[in-house]
Amino acid sequence: MWLRGKCDIGGPLDRKACDAYAAAVKSRTVTFEALQRDKRRARKRDERRLARGEVTPEQLEEENSMIPMGTKIRILNLRETLERHYGK
């Protein structure tokens, strides 16, 4: 499979290199279904950990949080931020 922009930059690369690149890209592609399946597995694992008393709900919330507890978020210009996101 020849990938436009990858296999033809500065002249064509050999077919084997392009096929290897295509395989690597394909193996990193994730479907929505796979993401949902992983999410369900993680929730079940978390439920089991809670049931066994390995973690508290607060610890689990901290582990799963995108922003660590105690992080201070500063909005330099609240008015500008609100207008940018919600319009005037």
N, C-alpha and C. Protein backbone atom coordinates (compact mmCIF):
# COMPACT_ATOMS: atom_id res chain seq x y z
N MET A 1 0.84 -1.17 0.00
CA MET A 1 0.00 0.00 0.00
C MET A 1 0.89 1.24 0.00
N TRP A 2 0.73 2.08 -0.97
CA TRP A 2 1.51 3.32 -1.04
C TRP A 2 0.73 4.41 -0.33
N LEU A 3 1.38 5.06 0.61
CA LEU A 3 0.72 6.11 1.38
C LEU A 3 1.16 7.47 0.87
N ARG A 4 0.22 8.22 0.39
CA ARG A 4 0.51 9.55 -0.14
C ARG A 4 1.09 10.41 0.98
N GLY A 5 2.16 11.12 0.69
CA GLY A 5 2.76 11.99 1.68
C GLY A 5 3.80 11.30 2.54
N LYS A 6 3.80 9.99 2.59
CA LYS A 6 4.78 9.27 3.40
C LYS A 6 5.77 8.52 2.51
N CYS A 7 5.27 7.87 1.49
CA CYS A 7 6.13 7.05 0.64
C CYS A 7 6.64 7.79 -0.58
N ASP A 8 6.15 8.99 -0.79
CA ASP A 8 6.61 9.69 -1.99
C ASP A 8 7.36 10.99 -1.68
N ILE A 9 7.68 11.25 -0.42
CA ILE A 9 8.43 12.46 -0.07
C ILE A 9 9.88 12.27 -0.49
N GLY A 10 10.37 13.17 -1.30
CA GLY A 10 11.76 13.09 -1.74
C GLY A 10 12.02 11.88 -2.61
N GLY A 11 11.04 11.40 -3.30
CA GLY A 11 11.19 10.22 -4.15
C GLY A 11 10.58 9.02 -3.45
N PRO A 12 10.14 8.06 -4.21
CA PRO A 12 9.47 6.90 -3.61
C PRO A 12 10.43 6.04 -2.79
N LEU A 13 9.96 5.59 -1.66
CA LEU A 13 10.71 4.63 -0.84
C LEU A 13 10.42 3.24 -1.39
N ASP A 14 11.17 2.27 -0.94
CA ASP A 14 10.87 0.93 -1.46
C ASP A 14 9.54 0.43 -0.89
N ARG A 15 8.95 -0.48 -1.60
CA ARG A 15 7.62 -1.01 -1.27
C ARG A 15 7.59 -1.62 0.13
N LYS A 16 8.65 -2.31 0.52
CA LYS A 16 8.72 -2.97 1.83
C LYS A 16 8.62 -1.94 2.96
N ALA A 17 9.32 -0.82 2.82
CA ALA A 17 9.30 0.22 3.84
C ALA A 17 7.89 0.82 3.96
N CYS A 18 7.24 1.03 2.83
CA CYS A 18 5.89 1.59 2.85
C CYS A 18 4.90 0.62 3.46
N ASP A 19 5.03 -0.65 3.13
CA ASP A 19 4.14 -1.66 3.71
C ASP A 19 4.35 -1.76 5.22
N ALA A 20 5.60 -1.66 5.67
CA ALA A 20 5.89 -1.71 7.10
C ALA A 20 5.28 -0.50 7.80
N TYR A 21 5.39 0.67 7.16
CA TYR A 21 4.80 1.88 7.72
C TYR A 21 3.27 1.74 7.81
N ALA A 22 2.68 1.26 6.74
CA ALA A 22 1.22 1.09 6.71
C ALA A 22 0.76 0.12 7.80
N ALA A 23 1.50 -0.95 8.01
CA ALA A 23 1.15 -1.93 9.04
C ALA A 23 1.25 -1.30 10.43
N ALA A 24 2.28 -0.47 10.63
CA ALA A 24 2.45 0.18 11.93
C ALA A 24 1.31 1.16 12.20
N VAL A 25 0.93 1.92 11.19
CA VAL A 25 -0.17 2.87 11.36
C VAL A 25 -1.47 2.12 11.63
N LYS A 26 -1.71 1.06 10.89
CA LYS A 26 -2.94 0.29 11.05
C LYS A 26 -3.01 -0.32 12.44
N SER A 27 -1.89 -0.79 12.97
CA SER A 27 -1.91 -1.43 14.28
C SER A 27 -2.18 -0.41 15.38
N ARG A 28 -1.94 0.88 15.12
CA ARG A 28 -2.19 1.91 16.12
C ARG A 28 -3.59 2.50 16.00
N THR A 29 -4.35 2.11 15.00
CA THR A 29 -5.69 2.62 14.81
C THR A 29 -6.63 1.96 15.81
N VAL A 30 -7.44 2.79 16.49
CA VAL A 30 -8.35 2.28 17.51
C VAL A 30 -9.77 2.58 17.08
N THR A 31 -10.64 1.60 17.23
CA THR A 31 -12.05 1.82 16.89
C THR A 31 -12.81 2.29 18.11
N PHE A 32 -13.96 2.89 17.88
CA PHE A 32 -14.82 3.33 18.96
C PHE A 32 -15.23 2.14 19.83
N GLU A 33 -15.53 1.02 19.18
CA GLU A 33 -15.94 -0.18 19.91
C GLU A 33 -14.82 -0.66 20.84
N ALA A 34 -13.58 -0.61 20.37
CA ALA A 34 -12.45 -1.03 21.20
C ALA A 34 -12.30 -0.10 22.40
N LEU A 35 -12.47 1.18 22.18
CA LEU A 35 -12.39 2.13 23.30
C LEU A 35 -13.48 1.86 24.33
N GLN A 36 -14.70 1.60 23.85
CA GLN A 36 -15.80 1.30 24.77
C GLN A 36 -15.57 0.00 25.53
N ARG A 37 -15.04 -1.00 24.85
CA ARG A 37 -14.73 -2.27 25.49
C ARG A 37 -13.67 -2.08 26.59
N ASP A 38 -12.63 -1.29 26.29
CA ASP A 38 -11.60 -1.03 27.28
C ASP A 38 -12.15 -0.25 28.47
N LYS A 39 -13.06 0.66 28.19
CA LYS A 39 -13.68 1.44 29.26
C LYS A 39 -14.51 0.54 30.18
N ARG A 40 -15.28 -0.38 29.58
CA ARG A 40 -16.08 -1.31 30.39
C ARG A 40 -15.18 -2.19 31.24
N ARG A 41 -14.08 -2.68 30.66
CA ARG A 41 -13.14 -3.51 31.43
C ARG A 41 -12.56 -2.74 32.61
N ALA A 42 -12.18 -1.49 32.35
CA ALA A 42 -11.59 -0.67 33.41
C ALA A 42 -12.61 -0.43 34.53
N ARG A 43 -13.86 -0.18 34.17
CA ARG A 43 -14.89 0.02 35.19
C ARG A 43 -15.11 -1.23 36.02
N LYS A 44 -15.16 -2.39 35.37
CA LYS A 44 -15.33 -3.64 36.11
C LYS A 44 -14.15 -3.89 37.04
N ARG A 45 -12.92 -3.61 36.54
CA ARG A 45 -11.74 -3.77 37.37
C ARG A 45 -11.81 -2.83 38.58
N ASP A 46 -12.24 -1.60 38.35
CA ASP A 46 -12.37 -0.64 39.45
C ASP A 46 -13.43 -1.07 40.45
N GLU A 47 -14.54 -1.60 39.96
CA GLU A 47 -15.59 -2.10 40.85
C GLU A 47 -15.08 -3.22 41.74
N ARG A 48 -14.31 -4.14 41.15
CA ARG A 48 -13.74 -5.24 41.93
C ARG A 48 -12.76 -4.72 42.98
N ARG A 49 -11.95 -3.76 42.60
CA ARG A 49 -10.98 -3.19 43.55
C ARG A 49 -11.70 -2.51 44.72
N LEU A 50 -12.79 -1.80 44.41
CA LEU A 50 -13.58 -1.16 45.47
C LEU A 50 -14.19 -2.21 46.39
N ALA A 51 -14.77 -3.25 45.79
CA ALA A 51 -15.42 -4.31 46.57
C ALA A 51 -14.42 -5.02 47.49
N ARG A 52 -13.19 -5.20 47.04
CA ARG A 52 -12.17 -5.87 47.86
C ARG A 52 -11.54 -4.93 48.89
N GLY A 53 -11.85 -3.64 48.78
CA GLY A 53 -11.29 -2.67 49.71
C GLY A 53 -9.86 -2.26 49.39
N GLU A 54 -9.43 -2.52 48.16
CA GLU A 54 -8.07 -2.14 47.76
C GLU A 54 -7.91 -0.63 47.65
N VAL A 55 -8.99 0.05 47.29
CA VAL A 55 -8.97 1.51 47.15
C VAL A 55 -10.25 2.09 47.72
N THR A 56 -10.17 3.35 48.10
CA THR A 56 -11.37 4.07 48.52
C THR A 56 -11.95 4.77 47.30
N PRO A 57 -13.20 5.17 47.37
CA PRO A 57 -13.78 5.90 46.23
C PRO A 57 -12.96 7.16 45.89
N GLU A 58 -12.43 7.82 46.91
CA GLU A 58 -11.63 9.02 46.67
C GLU A 58 -10.34 8.69 45.93
N GLN A 59 -9.69 7.59 46.32
CA GLN A 59 -8.45 7.19 45.63
C GLN A 59 -8.74 6.84 44.17
N LEU A 60 -9.83 6.15 43.95
CA LEU A 60 -10.20 5.77 42.60
C LEU A 60 -10.52 7.01 41.75
N GLU A 61 -11.19 7.97 42.35
CA GLU A 61 -11.49 9.21 41.65
C GLU A 61 -10.20 9.93 41.26
N GLU A 62 -9.24 9.95 42.17
CA GLU A 62 -7.95 10.58 41.89
C GLU A 62 -7.22 9.85 40.76
N GLU A 63 -7.22 8.52 40.78
CA GLU A 63 -6.55 7.73 39.74
C GLU A 63 -7.16 8.00 38.36
N ASN A 64 -8.48 8.14 38.31
CA ASN A 64 -9.17 8.27 37.03
C ASN A 64 -9.33 9.71 36.57
N SER A 65 -8.91 10.65 37.38
CA SER A 65 -9.08 12.06 37.06
C SER A 65 -8.07 12.52 36.03
N MET A 66 -8.52 13.34 35.09
CA MET A 66 -7.61 13.93 34.12
C MET A 66 -6.79 15.04 34.75
N ILE A 67 -7.40 15.71 35.73
CA ILE A 67 -6.72 16.80 36.43
C ILE A 67 -6.56 16.37 37.88
N PRO A 68 -5.33 16.26 38.37
CA PRO A 68 -5.11 15.81 39.75
C PRO A 68 -5.78 16.73 40.76
N MET A 69 -6.27 16.13 41.85
CA MET A 69 -6.87 16.93 42.92
C MET A 69 -5.84 17.91 43.45
N GLY A 70 -6.31 19.06 43.83
CA GLY A 70 -5.41 20.07 44.37
C GLY A 70 -4.79 20.96 43.31
N THR A 71 -5.00 20.63 42.05
CA THR A 71 -4.46 21.45 40.98
C THR A 71 -5.24 22.75 40.91
N LYS A 72 -4.52 23.84 40.86
CA LYS A 72 -5.18 25.14 40.75
C LYS A 72 -5.20 25.55 39.29
N ILE A 73 -6.38 25.90 38.81
CA ILE A 73 -6.54 26.34 37.44
C ILE A 73 -6.85 27.83 37.48
N ARG A 74 -6.07 28.58 36.76
CA ARG A 74 -6.22 30.03 36.75
C ARG A 74 -6.66 30.49 35.37
N ILE A 75 -7.77 31.18 35.31
CA ILE A 75 -8.24 31.77 34.07
C ILE A 75 -7.87 33.24 34.12
N LEU A 76 -6.98 33.63 33.23
CA LEU A 76 -6.46 34.99 33.28
C LEU A 76 -7.51 36.04 32.94
N ASN A 77 -8.37 35.73 31.98
CA ASN A 77 -9.39 36.69 31.57
C ASN A 77 -10.70 35.92 31.40
N LEU A 78 -11.50 35.87 32.47
CA LEU A 78 -12.73 35.09 32.45
C LEU A 78 -13.70 35.60 31.39
N ARG A 79 -13.84 36.89 31.28
CA ARG A 79 -14.77 37.44 30.29
C ARG A 79 -14.39 37.01 28.87
N GLU A 80 -13.11 37.13 28.53
CA GLU A 80 -12.65 36.73 27.20
C GLU A 80 -12.86 35.24 26.96
N THR A 81 -12.60 34.44 27.97
CA THR A 81 -12.78 32.99 27.86
C THR A 81 -14.24 32.64 27.63
N LEU A 82 -15.14 33.25 28.40
CA LEU A 82 -16.56 32.97 28.23
C LEU A 82 -17.07 33.42 26.87
N GLU A 83 -16.61 34.59 26.41
CA GLU A 83 -17.04 35.06 25.10
C GLU A 83 -16.53 34.16 23.98
N ARG A 84 -15.30 33.66 24.14
CA ARG A 84 -14.73 32.78 23.11
C ARG A 84 -15.52 31.47 23.02
N HIS A 85 -15.95 30.95 24.16
CA HIS A 85 -16.65 29.66 24.17
C HIS A 85 -18.15 29.77 23.96
N TYR A 86 -18.74 30.86 24.43
CA TYR A 86 -20.20 30.96 24.37
C TYR A 86 -20.70 32.12 23.53
N GLY A 87 -19.81 32.89 22.95
CA GLY A 87 -20.22 34.02 22.13
C GLY A 87 -20.57 35.22 23.00
N LYS A 88 -20.79 36.34 22.35
CA LYS A 88 -21.09 37.56 23.10
C LYS A 88 -22.52 37.66 23.51
